[in-house]
């Protein structure tokens, strides 16, 4: 199975810029400003994958869901400005984390790290017949489109998935929003993450697939 967000996943797909940075990015961890994400920018986000479980204390989980199947277990987390997917099967453990971190997360077990200013597709063989694939993009849209899609996600979240809205000090802008939904079988898990970044009028989309042969 391959992911549907892009065609022909590979380790080094050509980048394609989809958004324009907005000045005055926040510097440092979102922990420094509590859960307020009014100054969150796409160019502060980091996408990382580790071959170990990363403890929630590193990212301050606000919403948590555990998914269990016969062959695997997964913990989904949402927090201000990001998400974490911590998955385990057989003797393999892997963590996918998107967020703003200062100081950075410990490098131990890090398999992949990237900013979100370019589209990326990643495939990693984790051993024991287990594979990981992910793809992400950050797209800047018009304000009317941003508001429409934002409201659509709010409506969808009433039926399925995990939703987290951070606080904001800007009354003229909606708070940053994170939404996760998943599709599970006995031997696979697909996770779809959508993050709305009001300061950039940007939408970050991440699609992840774990498979067991």
N, C-alpha and C. Protein backbone atom coordinates (compact mmCIF):
# COMPACT_ATOMS: atom_id res chain seq x y z
N UNK A 1 0.85 -1.20 0.00
CA UNK A 1 0.00 0.00 0.00
C UNK A 1 0.88 1.24 0.00
N UNK A 2 0.44 2.27 -0.73
CA UNK A 2 1.15 3.55 -0.72
C UNK A 2 0.19 4.65 -0.30
N UNK A 3 0.75 5.75 0.13
CA UNK A 3 -0.07 6.85 0.61
C UNK A 3 -0.68 7.62 -0.55
N UNK A 4 -1.85 8.20 -0.31
CA UNK A 4 -2.58 8.84 -1.38
C UNK A 4 -2.34 10.32 -1.54
N UNK A 5 -1.62 10.94 -0.62
CA UNK A 5 -1.42 12.38 -0.71
C UNK A 5 -0.53 12.76 -1.87
N UNK A 6 0.42 11.89 -2.18
CA UNK A 6 1.31 12.11 -3.31
C UNK A 6 1.43 10.81 -4.08
N UNK A 7 1.97 10.90 -5.28
CA UNK A 7 2.20 9.70 -6.07
C UNK A 7 3.64 9.26 -5.93
N UNK A 8 3.87 7.94 -6.07
CA UNK A 8 5.20 7.35 -6.08
C UNK A 8 6.08 7.82 -4.94
N UNK A 9 5.76 7.45 -3.68
CA UNK A 9 6.60 7.88 -2.56
C UNK A 9 8.03 7.40 -2.72
N UNK A 10 8.98 8.22 -2.30
CA UNK A 10 10.39 7.85 -2.33
C UNK A 10 11.10 8.62 -1.25
N UNK A 11 12.33 8.23 -0.96
CA UNK A 11 13.06 8.89 0.11
C UNK A 11 13.44 10.31 -0.25
N UNK A 12 13.61 10.59 -1.52
CA UNK A 12 14.09 11.92 -1.91
C UNK A 12 13.23 12.50 -3.02
N UNK A 13 11.94 12.67 -2.77
CA UNK A 13 11.08 13.28 -3.76
C UNK A 13 11.44 14.74 -3.92
N UNK A 14 11.30 15.32 -5.11
CA UNK A 14 11.68 16.72 -5.32
C UNK A 14 10.79 17.65 -4.52
N UNK A 15 11.35 18.64 -3.82
CA UNK A 15 10.54 19.58 -3.05
C UNK A 15 9.75 20.52 -3.95
N UNK A 16 8.62 21.03 -3.41
CA UNK A 16 7.81 21.97 -4.16
C UNK A 16 7.22 22.94 -3.16
N UNK A 17 7.63 24.20 -3.23
CA UNK A 17 7.17 25.19 -2.27
C UNK A 17 5.68 25.45 -2.46
N UNK A 18 4.94 25.49 -1.33
CA UNK A 18 3.50 25.69 -1.40
C UNK A 18 3.04 26.83 -0.52
N UNK A 19 3.92 27.52 0.13
CA UNK A 19 3.49 28.59 1.02
C UNK A 19 4.56 29.65 1.09
N UNK A 20 4.18 30.86 1.52
CA UNK A 20 5.09 31.98 1.65
C UNK A 20 5.21 32.35 3.12
N UNK A 21 6.41 32.35 3.69
CA UNK A 21 6.56 32.68 5.11
C UNK A 21 6.02 34.07 5.43
N UNK A 22 5.45 34.21 6.62
CA UNK A 22 4.95 35.49 7.11
C UNK A 22 5.93 36.00 8.15
N UNK A 23 6.26 37.31 8.17
CA UNK A 23 7.23 37.82 9.13
C UNK A 23 6.80 37.64 10.58
N UNK A 24 7.73 37.87 11.48
CA UNK A 24 7.52 37.84 12.93
C UNK A 24 7.16 36.45 13.44
N UNK A 25 7.97 35.43 13.12
CA UNK A 25 7.70 34.11 13.65
C UNK A 25 8.02 34.04 15.13
N UNK A 26 7.32 33.15 15.83
CA UNK A 26 7.62 32.94 17.24
C UNK A 26 8.93 32.18 17.35
N UNK A 27 9.72 32.52 18.33
CA UNK A 27 10.98 31.83 18.57
C UNK A 27 10.88 31.10 19.90
N UNK A 28 11.36 29.88 19.92
CA UNK A 28 11.32 29.11 21.16
C UNK A 28 10.12 28.19 21.21
N UNK A 29 10.03 27.45 22.29
CA UNK A 29 8.99 26.46 22.47
C UNK A 29 7.65 27.12 22.74
N UNK A 30 6.57 26.46 22.28
CA UNK A 30 5.24 26.94 22.62
C UNK A 30 4.99 26.85 24.11
N UNK A 31 5.80 26.06 24.82
CA UNK A 31 5.66 26.01 26.28
C UNK A 31 5.93 27.39 26.89
N UNK A 32 6.73 28.21 26.20
CA UNK A 32 7.06 29.53 26.72
C UNK A 32 5.85 30.46 26.72
N UNK A 33 4.86 30.18 25.88
CA UNK A 33 3.67 31.01 25.80
C UNK A 33 2.43 30.22 26.19
N UNK A 34 2.61 29.17 26.96
CA UNK A 34 1.48 28.34 27.36
C UNK A 34 0.90 27.64 26.15
N UNK A 35 -0.43 27.66 26.03
CA UNK A 35 -1.07 27.04 24.87
C UNK A 35 -1.48 28.07 23.84
N UNK A 36 -1.08 29.33 24.02
CA UNK A 36 -1.40 30.37 23.05
C UNK A 36 -0.55 30.19 21.80
N UNK A 37 -1.21 30.09 20.65
CA UNK A 37 -0.47 29.88 19.40
C UNK A 37 -0.75 30.98 18.40
N UNK A 38 -1.09 32.17 18.88
CA UNK A 38 -1.40 33.27 17.97
C UNK A 38 -0.20 33.67 17.12
N UNK A 39 1.04 33.38 17.59
CA UNK A 39 2.24 33.73 16.83
C UNK A 39 2.89 32.51 16.18
N UNK A 40 2.21 31.38 16.19
CA UNK A 40 2.76 30.18 15.56
C UNK A 40 2.93 30.37 14.06
N UNK A 41 4.07 29.91 13.53
CA UNK A 41 4.35 29.98 12.10
C UNK A 41 4.82 28.62 11.60
N UNK A 42 4.55 28.38 10.32
CA UNK A 42 4.94 27.10 9.72
C UNK A 42 6.44 26.90 9.78
N UNK A 43 7.23 27.97 9.59
CA UNK A 43 8.68 27.79 9.55
C UNK A 43 9.29 27.52 10.91
N UNK A 44 8.48 27.46 11.98
CA UNK A 44 8.96 27.02 13.28
C UNK A 44 8.72 25.53 13.51
N UNK A 45 7.86 24.93 12.69
CA UNK A 45 7.49 23.53 12.91
C UNK A 45 8.60 22.59 12.44
N UNK A 46 8.77 21.50 13.19
CA UNK A 46 9.73 20.45 12.84
C UNK A 46 8.99 19.12 12.83
N UNK A 47 9.26 18.31 11.81
CA UNK A 47 8.68 16.97 11.69
C UNK A 47 9.80 15.96 11.93
N UNK A 48 9.64 15.08 12.94
CA UNK A 48 10.70 14.15 13.29
C UNK A 48 10.14 12.75 13.53
N UNK A 49 10.99 11.76 13.25
CA UNK A 49 10.65 10.34 13.46
C UNK A 49 11.77 9.70 14.26
N UNK A 50 11.40 8.93 15.29
CA UNK A 50 12.35 8.26 16.18
C UNK A 50 12.05 6.77 16.24
N UNK A 51 13.10 5.97 16.48
CA UNK A 51 12.90 4.53 16.62
C UNK A 51 12.73 4.15 18.10
N UNK A 52 12.04 4.98 18.84
CA UNK A 52 11.79 4.76 20.26
C UNK A 52 10.55 5.55 20.65
N UNK A 53 9.89 5.19 21.73
CA UNK A 53 8.78 6.02 22.22
C UNK A 53 9.31 7.31 22.84
N UNK A 54 8.73 8.43 22.50
CA UNK A 54 9.07 9.72 23.10
C UNK A 54 8.02 10.04 24.16
N UNK A 55 8.48 10.33 25.37
CA UNK A 55 7.56 10.55 26.49
C UNK A 55 6.74 11.82 26.26
N UNK A 56 5.44 11.79 26.58
CA UNK A 56 4.58 12.97 26.38
C UNK A 56 5.04 14.23 27.10
N UNK A 57 5.86 14.08 28.15
CA UNK A 57 6.34 15.27 28.83
C UNK A 57 7.16 16.18 27.91
N UNK A 58 7.71 15.61 26.83
CA UNK A 58 8.51 16.41 25.91
C UNK A 58 7.65 17.33 25.06
N UNK A 59 6.37 16.98 24.86
CA UNK A 59 5.55 17.81 24.00
C UNK A 59 4.25 18.29 24.65
N UNK A 60 3.97 17.89 25.88
CA UNK A 60 2.83 18.43 26.60
C UNK A 60 1.49 18.05 26.00
N UNK A 61 1.19 16.76 25.97
CA UNK A 61 -0.04 16.26 25.37
C UNK A 61 -1.28 16.89 26.02
N UNK A 62 -2.21 17.31 25.16
CA UNK A 62 -3.49 17.87 25.63
C UNK A 62 -4.65 16.91 25.38
N UNK A 63 -4.58 16.18 24.29
CA UNK A 63 -5.62 15.20 23.93
C UNK A 63 -4.92 13.89 23.62
N UNK A 64 -5.45 12.78 24.13
CA UNK A 64 -4.80 11.48 23.96
C UNK A 64 -5.84 10.41 23.64
N UNK A 65 -5.48 9.53 22.70
CA UNK A 65 -6.30 8.36 22.41
C UNK A 65 -5.39 7.17 22.17
N UNK A 66 -5.73 6.03 22.77
CA UNK A 66 -4.97 4.79 22.54
C UNK A 66 -5.79 3.88 21.63
N UNK A 67 -5.10 3.34 20.62
CA UNK A 67 -5.72 2.40 19.68
C UNK A 67 -4.99 1.07 19.83
N UNK A 68 -5.72 -0.01 19.94
CA UNK A 68 -5.10 -1.32 20.11
C UNK A 68 -5.70 -2.33 19.15
N UNK A 69 -4.81 -3.06 18.50
CA UNK A 69 -5.18 -4.20 17.68
C UNK A 69 -4.39 -5.39 18.17
N UNK A 70 -4.68 -6.56 17.64
CA UNK A 70 -3.98 -7.76 18.09
C UNK A 70 -2.48 -7.65 17.90
N UNK A 71 -2.06 -7.06 16.77
CA UNK A 71 -0.64 -7.04 16.40
C UNK A 71 0.08 -5.76 16.78
N UNK A 72 -0.64 -4.69 17.14
CA UNK A 72 0.03 -3.43 17.39
C UNK A 72 -0.77 -2.55 18.34
N UNK A 73 -0.07 -1.53 18.89
CA UNK A 73 -0.67 -0.54 19.77
C UNK A 73 -0.19 0.83 19.34
N UNK A 74 -1.06 1.84 19.45
CA UNK A 74 -0.68 3.19 19.07
C UNK A 74 -1.30 4.20 20.02
N UNK A 75 -0.51 5.23 20.36
CA UNK A 75 -1.00 6.35 21.15
C UNK A 75 -0.98 7.60 20.27
N UNK A 76 -2.13 8.25 20.14
CA UNK A 76 -2.26 9.49 19.39
C UNK A 76 -2.33 10.65 20.37
N UNK A 77 -1.57 11.70 20.10
CA UNK A 77 -1.54 12.88 20.97
C UNK A 77 -1.72 14.14 20.14
N UNK A 78 -2.48 15.09 20.68
CA UNK A 78 -2.57 16.44 20.11
C UNK A 78 -2.13 17.43 21.18
N UNK A 79 -1.49 18.50 20.74
CA UNK A 79 -1.03 19.53 21.67
C UNK A 79 -0.92 20.84 20.91
N UNK A 80 -0.60 21.92 21.60
CA UNK A 80 -0.54 23.24 20.97
C UNK A 80 0.48 23.24 19.83
N UNK A 81 -0.01 23.34 18.61
CA UNK A 81 0.87 23.45 17.46
C UNK A 81 1.37 22.14 16.87
N UNK A 82 0.87 20.99 17.32
CA UNK A 82 1.40 19.76 16.75
C UNK A 82 0.68 18.49 17.16
N UNK A 83 1.32 17.36 16.81
CA UNK A 83 0.78 16.05 17.15
C UNK A 83 1.93 15.05 17.33
N UNK A 84 1.58 13.93 17.95
CA UNK A 84 2.53 12.82 18.09
C UNK A 84 1.78 11.51 17.85
N UNK A 85 2.42 10.61 17.11
CA UNK A 85 1.91 9.26 16.88
C UNK A 85 2.98 8.30 17.36
N UNK A 86 2.68 7.55 18.41
CA UNK A 86 3.66 6.64 19.01
C UNK A 86 3.12 5.22 18.84
N UNK A 87 3.81 4.44 18.02
CA UNK A 87 3.29 3.16 17.52
C UNK A 87 4.26 2.03 17.88
N UNK A 88 3.73 0.87 18.21
CA UNK A 88 4.58 -0.27 18.54
C UNK A 88 4.00 -1.58 18.06
N UNK A 89 4.86 -2.45 17.55
CA UNK A 89 4.49 -3.80 17.14
C UNK A 89 5.71 -4.69 17.23
N UNK A 90 5.50 -5.94 17.68
CA UNK A 90 6.63 -6.85 17.88
C UNK A 90 7.67 -6.14 18.76
N UNK A 91 8.91 -6.08 18.33
CA UNK A 91 9.93 -5.39 19.12
C UNK A 91 10.23 -3.99 18.60
N UNK A 92 9.40 -3.49 17.69
CA UNK A 92 9.62 -2.20 17.06
C UNK A 92 8.78 -1.12 17.75
N UNK A 93 9.41 0.02 18.00
CA UNK A 93 8.72 1.19 18.52
C UNK A 93 9.12 2.39 17.65
N UNK A 94 8.16 3.23 17.31
CA UNK A 94 8.45 4.39 16.47
C UNK A 94 7.56 5.55 16.91
N UNK A 95 8.14 6.75 16.89
CA UNK A 95 7.42 7.97 17.25
C UNK A 95 7.52 8.96 16.10
N UNK A 96 6.38 9.47 15.67
CA UNK A 96 6.32 10.58 14.72
C UNK A 96 5.82 11.80 15.47
N UNK A 97 6.57 12.90 15.39
CA UNK A 97 6.22 14.08 16.16
C UNK A 97 6.35 15.32 15.29
N UNK A 98 5.31 16.14 15.29
CA UNK A 98 5.31 17.44 14.61
C UNK A 98 5.07 18.51 15.66
N UNK A 99 5.95 19.51 15.72
CA UNK A 99 5.74 20.55 16.71
C UNK A 99 6.85 21.59 16.70
N UNK A 100 6.82 22.44 17.71
CA UNK A 100 7.85 23.47 17.93
C UNK A 100 8.54 23.14 19.24
N UNK A 101 9.86 22.94 19.19
CA UNK A 101 10.57 22.48 20.38
C UNK A 101 11.87 23.27 20.57
N UNK A 102 12.01 23.86 21.74
CA UNK A 102 13.23 24.55 22.11
C UNK A 102 13.42 24.39 23.62
N UNK A 103 14.38 23.62 24.07
CA UNK A 103 15.42 22.99 23.25
C UNK A 103 14.85 21.86 22.38
N UNK A 104 15.61 21.46 21.36
CA UNK A 104 15.13 20.39 20.48
C UNK A 104 14.94 19.09 21.24
N UNK A 105 14.15 18.20 20.66
CA UNK A 105 14.00 16.87 21.23
C UNK A 105 15.35 16.15 21.20
N UNK A 106 15.61 15.27 22.16
CA UNK A 106 16.88 14.53 22.16
C UNK A 106 17.08 13.77 20.86
N UNK A 107 18.32 13.73 20.39
CA UNK A 107 18.61 13.11 19.10
C UNK A 107 18.61 11.58 19.15
N UNK A 108 18.64 11.00 20.34
CA UNK A 108 18.73 9.54 20.47
C UNK A 108 17.62 8.86 19.67
N UNK A 109 18.02 7.96 18.76
CA UNK A 109 17.06 7.19 17.99
C UNK A 109 16.38 7.96 16.88
N UNK A 110 16.86 9.15 16.56
CA UNK A 110 16.19 9.93 15.51
C UNK A 110 16.49 9.35 14.13
N UNK A 111 15.43 9.06 13.39
CA UNK A 111 15.55 8.49 12.05
C UNK A 111 15.38 9.54 10.95
N UNK A 112 14.67 10.61 11.27
CA UNK A 112 14.35 11.59 10.23
C UNK A 112 13.99 12.91 10.89
N UNK A 113 14.37 14.02 10.26
CA UNK A 113 14.01 15.34 10.76
C UNK A 113 13.92 16.31 9.58
N UNK A 114 12.89 17.15 9.57
CA UNK A 114 12.73 18.08 8.46
C UNK A 114 11.85 19.26 8.89
N UNK A 115 12.15 20.42 8.32
CA UNK A 115 11.23 21.54 8.39
C UNK A 115 10.08 21.30 7.40
N UNK A 116 9.06 22.17 7.47
CA UNK A 116 7.88 21.97 6.64
C UNK A 116 7.77 22.98 5.51
N UNK A 117 8.89 23.64 5.16
CA UNK A 117 8.83 24.62 4.10
C UNK A 117 8.81 23.98 2.72
N UNK A 118 8.96 22.66 2.64
CA UNK A 118 8.92 21.95 1.38
C UNK A 118 8.15 20.64 1.58
N UNK A 119 7.53 20.17 0.51
CA UNK A 119 6.87 18.87 0.57
C UNK A 119 7.91 17.77 0.70
N UNK A 120 7.59 16.77 1.50
CA UNK A 120 8.51 15.65 1.69
C UNK A 120 7.72 14.34 1.73
N UNK A 121 8.35 13.30 1.25
CA UNK A 121 7.82 11.94 1.33
C UNK A 121 8.93 11.06 1.87
N UNK A 122 8.61 10.23 2.86
CA UNK A 122 9.63 9.43 3.53
C UNK A 122 9.17 7.98 3.66
N UNK A 123 10.07 7.05 3.41
CA UNK A 123 9.83 5.63 3.65
C UNK A 123 10.97 5.10 4.50
N UNK A 124 10.63 4.34 5.55
CA UNK A 124 11.64 3.78 6.44
C UNK A 124 11.29 2.32 6.72
N UNK A 125 12.25 1.41 6.48
CA UNK A 125 12.10 0.01 6.86
C UNK A 125 12.55 -0.12 8.31
N UNK A 126 11.65 -0.54 9.18
CA UNK A 126 11.92 -0.58 10.62
C UNK A 126 12.39 -1.94 11.11
N UNK A 127 12.45 -2.93 10.22
CA UNK A 127 12.84 -4.28 10.62
C UNK A 127 11.65 -5.12 11.03
N UNK A 128 11.85 -6.42 11.10
CA UNK A 128 10.82 -7.39 11.49
C UNK A 128 9.59 -7.29 10.60
N UNK A 129 9.80 -6.93 9.32
CA UNK A 129 8.70 -6.86 8.38
C UNK A 129 7.78 -5.67 8.57
N UNK A 130 8.26 -4.64 9.22
CA UNK A 130 7.44 -3.46 9.51
C UNK A 130 7.97 -2.27 8.73
N UNK A 131 7.07 -1.50 8.12
CA UNK A 131 7.46 -0.34 7.34
C UNK A 131 6.68 0.90 7.79
N UNK A 132 7.31 2.04 7.57
CA UNK A 132 6.73 3.34 7.90
C UNK A 132 6.81 4.24 6.68
N UNK A 133 5.72 4.91 6.36
CA UNK A 133 5.69 5.89 5.28
C UNK A 133 5.01 7.15 5.78
N UNK A 134 5.49 8.30 5.33
CA UNK A 134 4.81 9.54 5.66
C UNK A 134 5.00 10.54 4.53
N UNK A 135 4.06 11.46 4.41
CA UNK A 135 4.18 12.56 3.48
C UNK A 135 3.50 13.77 4.10
N UNK A 136 4.05 14.95 3.83
CA UNK A 136 3.45 16.15 4.39
C UNK A 136 3.61 17.33 3.44
N UNK A 137 2.71 18.30 3.62
CA UNK A 137 2.78 19.54 2.85
C UNK A 137 2.23 20.67 3.71
N UNK A 138 2.67 21.89 3.41
CA UNK A 138 2.12 23.09 4.02
C UNK A 138 1.65 23.99 2.89
N UNK A 139 0.36 24.30 2.89
CA UNK A 139 -0.24 25.07 1.80
C UNK A 139 -0.84 26.36 2.33
N UNK A 140 -0.49 27.47 1.70
CA UNK A 140 -1.06 28.76 2.06
C UNK A 140 -2.26 29.02 1.17
N UNK A 141 -3.38 29.49 1.77
CA UNK A 141 -4.62 29.69 1.04
C UNK A 141 -5.18 31.07 1.33
N UNK A 142 -6.18 31.47 0.55
CA UNK A 142 -6.88 32.72 0.81
C UNK A 142 -7.65 32.63 2.11
N UNK A 143 -7.89 33.78 2.74
CA UNK A 143 -8.56 33.78 4.04
C UNK A 143 -9.94 33.13 3.99
N UNK A 144 -10.68 33.38 2.91
CA UNK A 144 -12.01 32.79 2.81
C UNK A 144 -11.94 31.27 2.72
N UNK A 145 -10.95 30.76 1.99
CA UNK A 145 -10.77 29.31 1.88
C UNK A 145 -10.34 28.73 3.22
N UNK A 146 -9.43 29.42 3.88
CA UNK A 146 -8.95 28.97 5.20
C UNK A 146 -10.13 28.85 6.17
N UNK A 147 -10.99 29.88 6.21
CA UNK A 147 -12.13 29.87 7.12
C UNK A 147 -13.10 28.76 6.78
N UNK A 148 -13.35 28.56 5.49
CA UNK A 148 -14.28 27.51 5.06
C UNK A 148 -13.78 26.12 5.45
N UNK A 149 -12.51 25.84 5.17
CA UNK A 149 -11.96 24.53 5.51
C UNK A 149 -11.87 24.33 7.02
N UNK A 150 -11.56 25.39 7.74
CA UNK A 150 -11.52 25.36 9.21
C UNK A 150 -12.88 24.93 9.76
N UNK A 151 -13.94 25.56 9.25
CA UNK A 151 -15.29 25.23 9.72
C UNK A 151 -15.68 23.80 9.33
N UNK A 152 -15.22 23.34 8.17
CA UNK A 152 -15.50 21.96 7.75
C UNK A 152 -14.88 20.96 8.72
N UNK A 153 -13.64 21.22 9.15
CA UNK A 153 -12.98 20.32 10.09
C UNK A 153 -13.72 20.31 11.43
N UNK A 154 -14.16 21.47 11.88
CA UNK A 154 -14.92 21.53 13.13
C UNK A 154 -16.18 20.68 13.03
N UNK A 155 -16.85 20.74 11.89
CA UNK A 155 -18.06 19.94 11.70
C UNK A 155 -17.73 18.44 11.65
N UNK A 156 -16.66 18.08 10.93
CA UNK A 156 -16.27 16.67 10.82
C UNK A 156 -15.90 16.10 12.18
N UNK A 157 -15.28 16.92 13.02
CA UNK A 157 -14.80 16.43 14.32
C UNK A 157 -15.94 16.02 15.24
N UNK A 158 -17.15 16.46 14.96
CA UNK A 158 -18.29 16.06 15.78
C UNK A 158 -18.68 14.61 15.51
N UNK A 159 -18.22 14.08 14.38
CA UNK A 159 -18.57 12.71 14.00
C UNK A 159 -17.43 11.73 14.24
N UNK A 160 -16.20 12.17 14.05
CA UNK A 160 -15.08 11.25 14.16
C UNK A 160 -13.79 12.02 14.39
N UNK A 161 -12.77 11.32 14.87
CA UNK A 161 -11.44 11.91 14.99
C UNK A 161 -11.20 12.63 16.30
N UNK A 162 -9.96 13.13 16.43
CA UNK A 162 -9.53 13.91 17.58
C UNK A 162 -9.34 15.36 17.16
N UNK A 163 -9.77 16.29 18.01
CA UNK A 163 -9.66 17.71 17.71
C UNK A 163 -9.09 18.45 18.90
N UNK A 164 -8.18 19.40 18.61
CA UNK A 164 -7.68 20.28 19.67
C UNK A 164 -7.58 21.70 19.13
N UNK A 165 -8.19 22.66 19.84
CA UNK A 165 -8.07 24.08 19.52
C UNK A 165 -7.26 24.75 20.62
N UNK A 166 -6.16 25.36 20.24
CA UNK A 166 -5.35 26.08 21.21
C UNK A 166 -6.00 27.43 21.51
N UNK A 167 -5.53 28.06 22.55
CA UNK A 167 -6.02 29.39 22.88
C UNK A 167 -5.35 30.43 21.99
N UNK A 168 -5.92 31.62 21.94
CA UNK A 168 -5.33 32.70 21.16
C UNK A 168 -5.62 34.04 21.84
N UNK A 169 -4.69 34.96 21.69
CA UNK A 169 -4.88 36.31 22.22
C UNK A 169 -5.36 37.27 21.13
N UNK A 170 -5.47 36.75 19.91
CA UNK A 170 -5.89 37.57 18.77
C UNK A 170 -7.38 37.32 18.52
N UNK A 171 -8.21 38.29 18.86
CA UNK A 171 -9.65 38.13 18.71
C UNK A 171 -10.11 38.18 17.26
N UNK A 172 -9.23 38.64 16.37
CA UNK A 172 -9.58 38.74 14.96
C UNK A 172 -9.20 37.49 14.18
N UNK A 173 -8.56 36.53 14.84
CA UNK A 173 -8.10 35.32 14.16
C UNK A 173 -8.52 34.10 14.96
N UNK A 174 -8.91 33.01 14.29
CA UNK A 174 -9.27 31.80 15.03
C UNK A 174 -8.03 31.17 15.66
N UNK A 175 -8.20 30.36 16.69
CA UNK A 175 -7.04 29.69 17.28
C UNK A 175 -6.49 28.61 16.37
N UNK A 176 -5.22 28.28 16.55
CA UNK A 176 -4.64 27.15 15.82
C UNK A 176 -5.44 25.89 16.14
N UNK A 177 -5.62 25.07 15.14
CA UNK A 177 -6.45 23.87 15.28
C UNK A 177 -5.70 22.65 14.77
N UNK A 178 -5.84 21.54 15.48
CA UNK A 178 -5.23 20.27 15.07
C UNK A 178 -6.30 19.19 15.05
N UNK A 179 -6.29 18.37 14.00
CA UNK A 179 -7.29 17.32 13.84
C UNK A 179 -6.60 16.04 13.37
N UNK A 180 -6.93 14.93 14.01
CA UNK A 180 -6.41 13.61 13.63
C UNK A 180 -7.56 12.65 13.38
N UNK A 181 -7.45 11.86 12.33
CA UNK A 181 -8.35 10.73 12.14
C UNK A 181 -7.52 9.54 11.68
N UNK A 182 -8.02 8.34 11.90
CA UNK A 182 -7.22 7.16 11.56
C UNK A 182 -8.09 6.07 10.95
N UNK A 183 -7.42 5.17 10.24
CA UNK A 183 -8.04 3.97 9.68
C UNK A 183 -7.15 2.80 10.08
N UNK A 184 -7.74 1.80 10.72
CA UNK A 184 -6.95 0.70 11.29
C UNK A 184 -7.42 -0.64 10.78
N UNK A 185 -6.44 -1.55 10.55
CA UNK A 185 -6.71 -2.96 10.32
C UNK A 185 -5.82 -3.75 11.26
N UNK A 186 -5.90 -5.08 11.21
CA UNK A 186 -5.07 -5.90 12.08
C UNK A 186 -3.58 -5.69 11.83
N UNK A 187 -3.20 -5.32 10.60
CA UNK A 187 -1.79 -5.22 10.25
C UNK A 187 -1.39 -3.87 9.69
N UNK A 188 -2.21 -2.85 9.86
CA UNK A 188 -1.83 -1.53 9.36
C UNK A 188 -2.58 -0.43 10.10
N UNK A 189 -1.99 0.75 10.06
CA UNK A 189 -2.61 1.95 10.62
C UNK A 189 -2.29 3.13 9.71
N UNK A 190 -3.32 3.84 9.29
CA UNK A 190 -3.17 5.06 8.51
C UNK A 190 -3.68 6.23 9.35
N UNK A 191 -2.85 7.25 9.48
CA UNK A 191 -3.21 8.42 10.28
C UNK A 191 -3.17 9.66 9.38
N UNK A 192 -4.24 10.45 9.44
CA UNK A 192 -4.33 11.69 8.67
C UNK A 192 -4.39 12.85 9.66
N UNK A 193 -3.42 13.75 9.58
CA UNK A 193 -3.36 14.91 10.47
C UNK A 193 -3.54 16.19 9.66
N UNK A 194 -4.33 17.11 10.21
CA UNK A 194 -4.53 18.41 9.59
C UNK A 194 -4.33 19.48 10.64
N UNK A 195 -3.46 20.45 10.34
CA UNK A 195 -3.17 21.53 11.27
C UNK A 195 -3.45 22.86 10.57
N UNK A 196 -4.21 23.72 11.23
CA UNK A 196 -4.50 25.06 10.71
C UNK A 196 -3.64 26.07 11.46
N UNK A 197 -2.83 26.83 10.71
CA UNK A 197 -1.90 27.81 11.27
C UNK A 197 -2.39 29.20 10.87
N UNK A 198 -3.19 29.87 11.71
CA UNK A 198 -3.81 31.13 11.32
C UNK A 198 -2.81 32.23 10.95
N UNK A 199 -1.66 32.29 11.63
CA UNK A 199 -0.70 33.36 11.36
C UNK A 199 -0.17 33.36 9.95
N UNK A 200 -0.15 32.19 9.30
CA UNK A 200 0.30 32.06 7.92
C UNK A 200 -0.85 31.85 6.95
N UNK A 201 -2.08 31.73 7.47
CA UNK A 201 -3.21 31.27 6.65
C UNK A 201 -2.79 29.98 5.92
N UNK A 202 -2.16 29.08 6.69
CA UNK A 202 -1.61 27.85 6.12
C UNK A 202 -2.29 26.63 6.72
N UNK A 203 -2.36 25.59 5.89
CA UNK A 203 -2.89 24.30 6.32
C UNK A 203 -1.79 23.26 6.13
N UNK A 204 -1.43 22.59 7.20
CA UNK A 204 -0.42 21.54 7.16
C UNK A 204 -1.13 20.19 7.15
N UNK A 205 -0.81 19.37 6.18
CA UNK A 205 -1.41 18.04 6.08
C UNK A 205 -0.30 16.99 6.16
N UNK A 206 -0.54 15.99 7.01
CA UNK A 206 0.41 14.89 7.17
C UNK A 206 -0.36 13.58 7.05
N UNK A 207 0.15 12.69 6.22
CA UNK A 207 -0.45 11.35 6.10
C UNK A 207 0.62 10.31 6.41
N UNK A 208 0.29 9.36 7.27
CA UNK A 208 1.25 8.38 7.77
C UNK A 208 0.67 6.98 7.64
N UNK A 209 1.52 6.03 7.29
CA UNK A 209 1.09 4.64 7.18
C UNK A 209 2.10 3.72 7.85
N UNK A 210 1.64 2.90 8.76
CA UNK A 210 2.41 1.82 9.37
C UNK A 210 1.87 0.50 8.84
N UNK A 211 2.77 -0.41 8.40
CA UNK A 211 2.33 -1.70 7.88
C UNK A 211 3.18 -2.82 8.43
N UNK A 212 2.53 -3.97 8.69
CA UNK A 212 3.21 -5.18 9.13
C UNK A 212 3.00 -6.24 8.06
N UNK A 213 4.10 -6.81 7.59
CA UNK A 213 3.98 -7.86 6.58
C UNK A 213 3.41 -9.13 7.17
